[in-house]
Amino acid sequence: AGIGIDGLDKSVVAYEPVWAIGTGKTASPDEAQA
């Protein structure tokens, strides 16, 4: 809504499950891929 789809085309998206940040826990490859 802020940058438009054209703006997203010039961006990078990072999925970071909060429960796996700095905890030592990691989403499984399949969970992350989903």
PDB file of all heavy atoms in Angstrom:
ATOM      1  N   ALA A   1       0.836  -1.211   0.000  1.00  0.00           N
ATOM      2  CA  ALA A   1       0.000   0.000   0.000  1.00  0.00           C
ATOM      3  C   ALA A   1       0.863   1.250   0.000  1.00  0.00           C
ATOM      4  O   ALA A   1       0.480   2.275  -0.571  1.00  0.00           O
ATOM      5  CB  ALA A   1      -0.931  -0.006   1.213  1.00  0.00           C
ATOM      6  N   GLY A   2       2.039   1.174   0.610  1.00  0.00           N
ATOM      7  CA  GLY A   2       2.913   2.336   0.684  1.00  0.00           C
ATOM      8  C   GLY A   2       3.794   2.531  -0.531  1.00  0.00           C
ATOM      9  O   GLY A   2       4.112   3.671  -0.892  1.00  0.00           O
ATOM     10  N   ILE A   3       4.205   1.431  -1.164  1.00  0.00           N
ATOM     11  CA  ILE A   3       5.185   1.538  -2.254  1.00  0.00           C
ATOM     12  C   ILE A   3       4.663   1.033  -3.589  1.00  0.00           C
ATOM     13  O   ILE A   3       5.309   1.229  -4.623  1.00  0.00           O
ATOM     14  CB  ILE A   3       6.495   0.794  -1.906  1.00  0.00           C
ATOM     15  CG1 ILE A   3       6.253  -0.723  -1.786  1.00  0.00           C
ATOM     16  CG2 ILE A   3       7.104   1.351  -0.635  1.00  0.00           C
ATOM     17  CD1 ILE A   3       7.525  -1.525  -1.524  1.00  0.00           C
ATOM     18  N   GLY A   4       3.508   0.378  -3.588  1.00  0.00           N
ATOM     19  CA  GLY A   4       2.971  -0.169  -4.830  1.00  0.00           C
ATOM     20  C   GLY A   4       3.691  -1.450  -5.230  1.00  0.00           C
ATOM     21  O   GLY A   4       4.769  -1.769  -4.723  1.00  0.00           O
ATOM     22  N   ILE A   5       3.109  -2.167  -6.147  1.00  0.00           N
ATOM     23  CA  ILE A   5       3.715  -3.417  -6.602  1.00  0.00           C
ATOM     24  C   ILE A   5       5.016  -3.140  -7.353  1.00  0.00           C
ATOM     25  O   ILE A   5       5.964  -3.940  -7.304  1.00  0.00           O
ATOM     26  CB  ILE A   5       2.728  -4.236  -7.478  1.00  0.00           C
ATOM     27  CG1 ILE A   5       3.187  -5.685  -7.606  1.00  0.00           C
ATOM     28  CG2 ILE A   5       2.518  -3.578  -8.825  1.00  0.00           C
ATOM     29  CD1 ILE A   5       3.107  -6.475  -6.328  1.00  0.00           C
ATOM     30  N   ASP A   6       5.105  -1.994  -8.021  1.00  0.00           N
ATOM     31  CA  ASP A   6       6.353  -1.634  -8.700  1.00  0.00           C
ATOM     32  C   ASP A   6       7.474  -1.392  -7.688  1.00  0.00           C
ATOM     33  O   ASP A   6       8.636  -1.727  -7.942  1.00  0.00           O
ATOM     34  CB  ASP A   6       6.162  -0.389  -9.569  1.00  0.00           C
ATOM     35  CG  ASP A   6       5.293  -0.663 -10.785  1.00  0.00           C
ATOM     36  OD1 ASP A   6       5.165  -1.844 -11.165  1.00  0.00           O
ATOM     37  OD2 ASP A   6       4.740   0.302 -11.339  1.00  0.00           O
ATOM     38  N   GLY A   7       7.125  -0.812  -6.543  1.00  0.00           N
ATOM     39  CA  GLY A   7       8.115  -0.618  -5.496  1.00  0.00           C
ATOM     40  C   GLY A   7       8.572  -1.929  -4.898  1.00  0.00           C
ATOM     41  O   GLY A   7       9.756  -2.107  -4.600  1.00  0.00           O
ATOM     42  N   LEU A   8       7.647  -2.871  -4.747  1.00  0.00           N
ATOM     43  CA  LEU A   8       8.018  -4.183  -4.227  1.00  0.00           C
ATOM     44  C   LEU A   8       8.983  -4.882  -5.173  1.00  0.00           C
ATOM     45  O   LEU A   8       9.858  -5.638  -4.745  1.00  0.00           O
ATOM     46  CB  LEU A   8       6.770  -5.036  -4.005  1.00  0.00           C
ATOM     47  CG  LEU A   8       7.001  -6.308  -3.186  1.00  0.00           C
ATOM     48  CD1 LEU A   8       7.366  -5.971  -1.746  1.00  0.00           C
ATOM     49  CD2 LEU A   8       5.785  -7.221  -3.238  1.00  0.00           C
ATOM     50  N   ASP A   9       8.829  -4.606  -6.462  1.00  0.00           N
ATOM     51  CA  ASP A   9       9.711  -5.196  -7.471  1.00  0.00           C
ATOM     52  C   ASP A   9      11.165  -4.749  -7.286  1.00  0.00           C
ATOM     53  O   ASP A   9      12.088  -5.410  -7.774  1.00  0.00           O
ATOM     54  CB  ASP A   9       9.216  -4.803  -8.864  1.00  0.00           C
ATOM     55  CG  ASP A   9       9.763  -5.694  -9.975  1.00  0.00           C
ATOM     56  OD1 ASP A   9      10.129  -6.849  -9.695  1.00  0.00           O
ATOM     57  OD2 ASP A   9       9.810  -5.220 -11.122  1.00  0.00           O
ATOM     58  N   LYS A  10      11.360  -3.646  -6.579  1.00  0.00           N
ATOM     59  CA  LYS A  10      12.701  -3.126  -6.332  1.00  0.00           C
ATOM     60  C   LYS A  10      13.151  -3.394  -4.899  1.00  0.00           C
ATOM     61  O   LYS A  10      14.129  -2.816  -4.430  1.00  0.00           O
ATOM     62  CB  LYS A  10      12.734  -1.617  -6.615  1.00  0.00           C
ATOM     63  CG  LYS A  10      12.345  -1.254  -8.042  1.00  0.00           C
ATOM     64  CD  LYS A  10      12.188   0.251  -8.201  1.00  0.00           C
ATOM     65  CE  LYS A  10      11.678   0.603  -9.600  1.00  0.00           C
ATOM     66  NZ  LYS A  10      11.391   2.050  -9.733  1.00  0.00           N
ATOM     67  N   SER A  11      12.420  -4.253  -4.211  1.00  0.00           N
ATOM     68  CA  SER A  11      12.672  -4.531  -2.800  1.00  0.00           C
ATOM     69  C   SER A  11      13.053  -5.999  -2.619  1.00  0.00           C
ATOM     70  O   SER A  11      13.010  -6.806  -3.548  1.00  0.00           O
ATOM     71  CB  SER A  11      11.415  -4.222  -1.970  1.00  0.00           C
ATOM     72  OG  SER A  11      10.957  -2.909  -2.189  1.00  0.00           O
ATOM     73  N   VAL A  12      13.436  -6.316  -1.401  1.00  0.00           N
ATOM     74  CA  VAL A  12      13.687  -7.689  -0.971  1.00  0.00           C
ATOM     75  C   VAL A  12      12.761  -7.948   0.210  1.00  0.00           C
ATOM     76  O   VAL A  12      12.554  -7.060   1.048  1.00  0.00           O
ATOM     77  CB  VAL A  12      15.161  -7.878  -0.544  1.00  0.00           C
ATOM     78  CG1 VAL A  12      15.385  -9.223   0.121  1.00  0.00           C
ATOM     79  CG2 VAL A  12      16.086  -7.704  -1.738  1.00  0.00           C
ATOM     80  N   VAL A  13      12.189  -9.131   0.273  1.00  0.00           N
ATOM     81  CA  VAL A  13      11.347  -9.506   1.407  1.00  0.00           C
ATOM     82  C   VAL A  13      12.075 -10.569   2.224  1.00  0.00           C
ATOM     83  O   VAL A  13      12.648 -11.510   1.663  1.00  0.00           O
ATOM     84  CB  VAL A  13       9.976 -10.041   0.934  1.00  0.00           C
ATOM     85  CG1 VAL A  13       9.197 -10.644   2.100  1.00  0.00           C
ATOM     86  CG2 VAL A  13       9.160  -8.916   0.299  1.00  0.00           C
ATOM     87  N   ALA A  14      12.071 -10.399   3.533  1.00  0.00           N
ATOM     88  CA  ALA A  14      12.682 -11.379   4.431  1.00  0.00           C
ATOM     89  C   ALA A  14      11.611 -11.924   5.368  1.00  0.00           C
ATOM     90  O   ALA A  14      10.991 -11.160   6.120  1.00  0.00           O
ATOM     91  CB  ALA A  14      13.817 -10.749   5.225  1.00  0.00           C
ATOM     92  N   TYR A  15      11.410 -13.241   5.317  1.00  0.00           N
ATOM     93  CA  TYR A  15      10.502 -13.888   6.269  1.00  0.00           C
ATOM     94  C   TYR A  15      11.313 -14.309   7.480  1.00  0.00           C
ATOM     95  O   TYR A  15      12.269 -15.087   7.375  1.00  0.00           O
ATOM     96  CB  TYR A  15       9.826 -15.105   5.646  1.00  0.00           C
ATOM     97  CG  TYR A  15       9.139 -15.977   6.678  1.00  0.00           C
ATOM     98  CD1 TYR A  15       8.137 -15.460   7.501  1.00  0.00           C
ATOM     99  CD2 TYR A  15       9.498 -17.318   6.842  1.00  0.00           C
ATOM    100  CE1 TYR A  15       7.519 -16.252   8.462  1.00  0.00           C
ATOM    101  CE2 TYR A  15       8.876 -18.118   7.785  1.00  0.00           C
ATOM    102  CZ  TYR A  15       7.893 -17.577   8.597  1.00  0.00           C
ATOM    103  OH  TYR A  15       7.295 -18.362   9.555  1.00  0.00           O
ATOM    104  N   GLU A  16      10.951 -13.772   8.630  1.00  0.00           N
ATOM    105  CA  GLU A  16      11.674 -14.078   9.867  1.00  0.00           C
ATOM    106  C   GLU A  16      10.674 -14.430  10.955  1.00  0.00           C
ATOM    107  O   GLU A  16      10.114 -13.542  11.598  1.00  0.00           O
ATOM    108  CB  GLU A  16      12.556 -12.904  10.277  1.00  0.00           C
ATOM    109  CG  GLU A  16      11.928 -11.519  10.097  1.00  0.00           C
ATOM    110  CD  GLU A  16      12.521 -10.481  11.034  1.00  0.00           C
ATOM    111  OE1 GLU A  16      13.700 -10.589  11.342  1.00  0.00           O
ATOM    112  OE2 GLU A  16      11.769  -9.591  11.464  1.00  0.00           O
ATOM    113  N   PRO A  17      10.429 -15.717  11.165  1.00  0.00           N
ATOM    114  CA  PRO A  17       9.535 -16.100  12.262  1.00  0.00           C
ATOM    115  C   PRO A  17      10.113 -15.607  13.583  1.00  0.00           C
ATOM    116  O   PRO A  17      11.250 -15.927  13.926  1.00  0.00           O
ATOM    117  CB  PRO A  17       9.507 -17.633  12.191  1.00  0.00           C
ATOM    118  CG  PRO A  17      10.724 -18.020  11.407  1.00  0.00           C
ATOM    119  CD  PRO A  17      10.996 -16.893  10.473  1.00  0.00           C
ATOM    120  N   VAL A  18       9.340 -14.818  14.303  1.00  0.00           N
ATOM    121  CA  VAL A  18       9.847 -14.171  15.510  1.00  0.00           C
ATOM    122  C   VAL A  18      10.333 -15.204  16.522  1.00  0.00           C
ATOM    123  O   VAL A  18      11.322 -14.991  17.225  1.00  0.00           O
ATOM    124  CB  VAL A  18       8.759 -13.266  16.124  1.00  0.00           C
ATOM    125  CG1 VAL A  18       9.257 -12.601  17.392  1.00  0.00           C
ATOM    126  CG2 VAL A  18       8.328 -12.209  15.112  1.00  0.00           C
ATOM    127  N   TRP A  19       9.666 -16.342  16.558  1.00  0.00           N
ATOM    128  CA  TRP A  19      10.010 -17.375  17.532  1.00  0.00           C
ATOM    129  C   TRP A  19      11.354 -18.048  17.228  1.00  0.00           C
ATOM    130  O   TRP A  19      11.888 -18.801  18.054  1.00  0.00           O
ATOM    131  CB  TRP A  19       8.907 -18.427  17.588  1.00  0.00           C
ATOM    132  CG  TRP A  19       8.471 -18.932  16.240  1.00  0.00           C
ATOM    133  CD1 TRP A  19       7.493 -18.388  15.442  1.00  0.00           C
ATOM    134  CD2 TRP A  19       8.985 -20.042  15.526  1.00  0.00           C
ATOM    135  NE1 TRP A  19       7.373 -19.101  14.279  1.00  0.00           N
ATOM    136  CE2 TRP A  19       8.274 -20.134  14.303  1.00  0.00           C
ATOM    137  CE3 TRP A  19       9.977 -20.998  15.806  1.00  0.00           C
ATOM    138  CZ2 TRP A  19       8.524 -21.121  13.362  1.00  0.00           C
ATOM    139  CZ3 TRP A  19      10.231 -21.989  14.871  1.00  0.00           C
ATOM    140  CH2 TRP A  19       9.498 -22.038  13.662  1.00  0.00           C
ATOM    141  N   ALA A  20      11.940 -17.761  16.061  1.00  0.00           N
ATOM    142  CA  ALA A  20      13.211 -18.388  15.685  1.00  0.00           C
ATOM    143  C   ALA A  20      14.363 -17.393  15.628  1.00  0.00           C
ATOM    144  O   ALA A  20      15.436 -17.734  15.150  1.00  0.00           O
ATOM    145  CB  ALA A  20      13.065 -19.083  14.330  1.00  0.00           C
ATOM    146  N   ILE A  21      14.149 -16.174  16.126  1.00  0.00           N
ATOM    147  CA  ILE A  21      15.199 -15.149  16.050  1.00  0.00           C
ATOM    148  C   ILE A  21      15.946 -15.085  17.372  1.00  0.00           C
ATOM    149  O   ILE A  21      15.371 -14.755  18.410  1.00  0.00           O
ATOM    150  CB  ILE A  21      14.600 -13.768  15.715  1.00  0.00           C
ATOM    151  CG1 ILE A  21      13.921 -13.815  14.352  1.00  0.00           C
ATOM    152  CG2 ILE A  21      15.674 -12.697  15.737  1.00  0.00           C
ATOM    153  CD1 ILE A  21      13.122 -12.592  14.031  1.00  0.00           C
ATOM    154  N   GLY A  22      17.217 -15.444  17.327  1.00  0.00           N
ATOM    155  CA  GLY A  22      18.051 -15.386  18.518  1.00  0.00           C
ATOM    156  C   GLY A  22      17.718 -16.432  19.559  1.00  0.00           C
ATOM    157  O   GLY A  22      18.223 -16.377  20.677  1.00  0.00           O
ATOM    158  N   THR A  23      16.884 -17.396  19.209  1.00  0.00           N
ATOM    159  CA  THR A  23      16.475 -18.424  20.164  1.00  0.00           C
ATOM    160  C   THR A  23      17.208 -19.739  19.946  1.00  0.00           C
ATOM    161  O   THR A  23      17.141 -20.629  20.795  1.00  0.00           O
ATOM    162  CB  THR A  23      14.965 -18.704  20.037  1.00  0.00           C
ATOM    163  OG1 THR A  23      14.698 -19.246  18.737  1.00  0.00           O
ATOM    164  CG2 THR A  23      14.158 -17.426  20.235  1.00  0.00           C
ATOM    165  N   GLY A  24      17.873 -19.861  18.804  1.00  0.00           N
ATOM    166  CA  GLY A  24      18.479 -21.137  18.453  1.00  0.00           C
ATOM    167  C   GLY A  24      17.504 -22.053  17.742  1.00  0.00           C
ATOM    168  O   GLY A  24      17.894 -23.064  17.155  1.00  0.00           O
ATOM    169  N   LYS A  25      16.209 -21.709  17.786  1.00  0.00           N
ATOM    170  CA  LYS A  25      15.200 -22.489  17.061  1.00  0.00           C
ATOM    171  C   LYS A  25      15.177 -22.031  15.609  1.00  0.00           C
ATOM    172  O   LYS A  25      15.407 -20.859  15.317  1.00  0.00           O
ATOM    173  CB  LYS A  25      13.827 -22.298  17.683  1.00  0.00           C
ATOM    174  CG  LYS A  25      13.703 -22.773  19.115  1.00  0.00           C
ATOM    175  CD  LYS A  25      12.299 -22.528  19.643  1.00  0.00           C
ATOM    176  CE  LYS A  25      12.164 -22.999  21.079  1.00  0.00           C
ATOM    177  NZ  LYS A  25      10.791 -22.749  21.603  1.00  0.00           N
ATOM    178  N   THR A  26      14.896 -22.946  14.729  1.00  0.00           N
ATOM    179  CA  THR A  26      14.817 -22.619  13.308  1.00  0.00           C
ATOM    180  C   THR A  26      13.588 -23.295  12.725  1.00  0.00           C
ATOM    181  O   THR A  26      13.313 -24.453  13.047  1.00  0.00           O
ATOM    182  CB  THR A  26      16.065 -23.119  12.560  1.00  0.00           C
ATOM    183  OG1 THR A  26      17.232 -22.673  13.235  1.00  0.00           O
ATOM    184  CG2 THR A  26      16.083 -22.614  11.127  1.00  0.00           C
ATOM    185  N   ALA A  27      12.872 -22.584  11.872  1.00  0.00           N
ATOM    186  CA  ALA A  27      11.811 -23.250  11.127  1.00  0.00           C
ATOM    187  C   ALA A  27      12.450 -24.332  10.268  1.00  0.00           C
ATOM    188  O   ALA A  27      13.544 -24.145   9.730  1.00  0.00           O
ATOM    189  CB  ALA A  27      11.076 -22.240  10.254  1.00  0.00           C
ATOM    190  N   SER A  28      11.810 -25.472  10.168  1.00  0.00           N
ATOM    191  CA  SER A  28      12.343 -26.511   9.285  1.00  0.00           C
ATOM    192  C   SER A  28      12.333 -25.978   7.858  1.00  0.00           C
ATOM    193  O   SER A  28      11.578 -25.050   7.533  1.00  0.00           O
ATOM    194  CB  SER A  28      11.500 -27.779   9.377  1.00  0.00           C
ATOM    195  OG  SER A  28      10.246 -27.570   8.737  1.00  0.00           O
ATOM    196  N   PRO A  29      13.174 -26.548   6.979  1.00  0.00           N
ATOM    197  CA  PRO A  29      13.132 -26.094   5.586  1.00  0.00           C
ATOM    198  C   PRO A  29      11.727 -26.133   4.992  1.00  0.00           C
ATOM    199  O   PRO A  29      11.325 -25.211   4.279  1.00  0.00           O
ATOM    200  CB  PRO A  29      14.082 -27.069   4.890  1.00  0.00           C
ATOM    201  CG  PRO A  29      15.085 -27.415   5.950  1.00  0.00           C
ATOM    202  CD  PRO A  29      14.272 -27.502   7.219  1.00  0.00           C
ATOM    203  N   ASP A  30      10.957 -27.175   5.313  1.00  0.00           N
ATOM    204  CA  ASP A  30       9.605 -27.277   4.766  1.00  0.00           C
ATOM    205  C   ASP A  30       8.683 -26.203   5.347  1.00  0.00           C
ATOM    206  O   ASP A  30       7.842 -25.646   4.632  1.00  0.00           O
ATOM    207  CB  ASP A  30       9.024 -28.668   5.038  1.00  0.00           C
ATOM    208  CG  ASP A  30       9.658 -29.739   4.162  1.00  0.00           C
ATOM    209  OD1 ASP A  30      10.209 -29.392   3.088  1.00  0.00           O
ATOM    210  OD2 ASP A  30       9.615 -30.917   4.553  1.00  0.00           O
ATOM    211  N   GLU A  31       8.838 -25.916   6.644  1.00  0.00           N
ATOM    212  CA  GLU A  31       8.020 -24.865   7.267  1.00  0.00           C
ATOM    213  C   GLU A  31       8.343 -23.506   6.668  1.00  0.00           C
ATOM    214  O   GLU A  31       7.441 -22.712   6.359  1.00  0.00           O
ATOM    215  CB  GLU A  31       8.272 -24.831   8.772  1.00  0.00           C
ATOM    216  CG  GLU A  31       7.676 -25.988   9.540  1.00  0.00           C
ATOM    217  CD  GLU A  31       8.093 -25.993  11.001  1.00  0.00           C
ATOM    218  OE1 GLU A  31       9.218 -25.548  11.303  1.00  0.00           O
ATOM    219  OE2 GLU A  31       7.287 -26.442  11.844  1.00  0.00           O
ATOM    220  N   ALA A  32       9.633 -23.221   6.505  1.00  0.00           N
ATOM    221  CA  ALA A  32      10.038 -21.946   5.921  1.00  0.00           C
ATOM    222  C   ALA A  32       9.566 -21.841   4.476  1.00  0.00           C
ATOM    223  O   ALA A  32       9.052 -20.802   4.050  1.00  0.00           O
ATOM    224  CB  ALA A  32      11.552 -21.791   5.998  1.00  0.00           C
ATOM    225  N   GLN A  33       9.730 -22.917   3.711  1.00  0.00           N
ATOM    226  CA  GLN A  33       9.314 -22.921   2.313  1.00  0.00           C
ATOM    227  C   GLN A  33       7.819 -22.672   2.179  1.00  0.00           C
ATOM    228  O   GLN A  33       7.386 -21.941   1.283  1.00  0.00           O
ATOM    229  CB  GLN A  33       9.688 -24.259   1.660  1.00  0.00           C
ATOM    230  CG  GLN A  33       8.997 -24.574   0.342  1.00  0.00           C
ATOM    231  CD  GLN A  33       9.267 -23.579  -0.775  1.00  0.00           C
ATOM    232  OE1 GLN A  33      10.236 -22.814  -0.712  1.00  0.00           O
ATOM    233  NE2 GLN A  33       8.427 -23.590  -1.792  1.00  0.00           N
ATOM    234  N   ALA A  34       7.035 -23.237   3.071  1.00  0.00           N
ATOM    235  CA  ALA A  34       5.582 -23.068   2.983  1.00  0.00           C
ATOM    236  C   ALA A  34       5.197 -21.594   3.089  1.00  0.00           C
ATOM    237  O   ALA A  34       4.333 -21.112   2.332  1.00  0.00           O
ATOM    238  CB  ALA A  34       4.895 -23.882   4.082  1.00  0.00           C
TER     239      ALA A  34
END
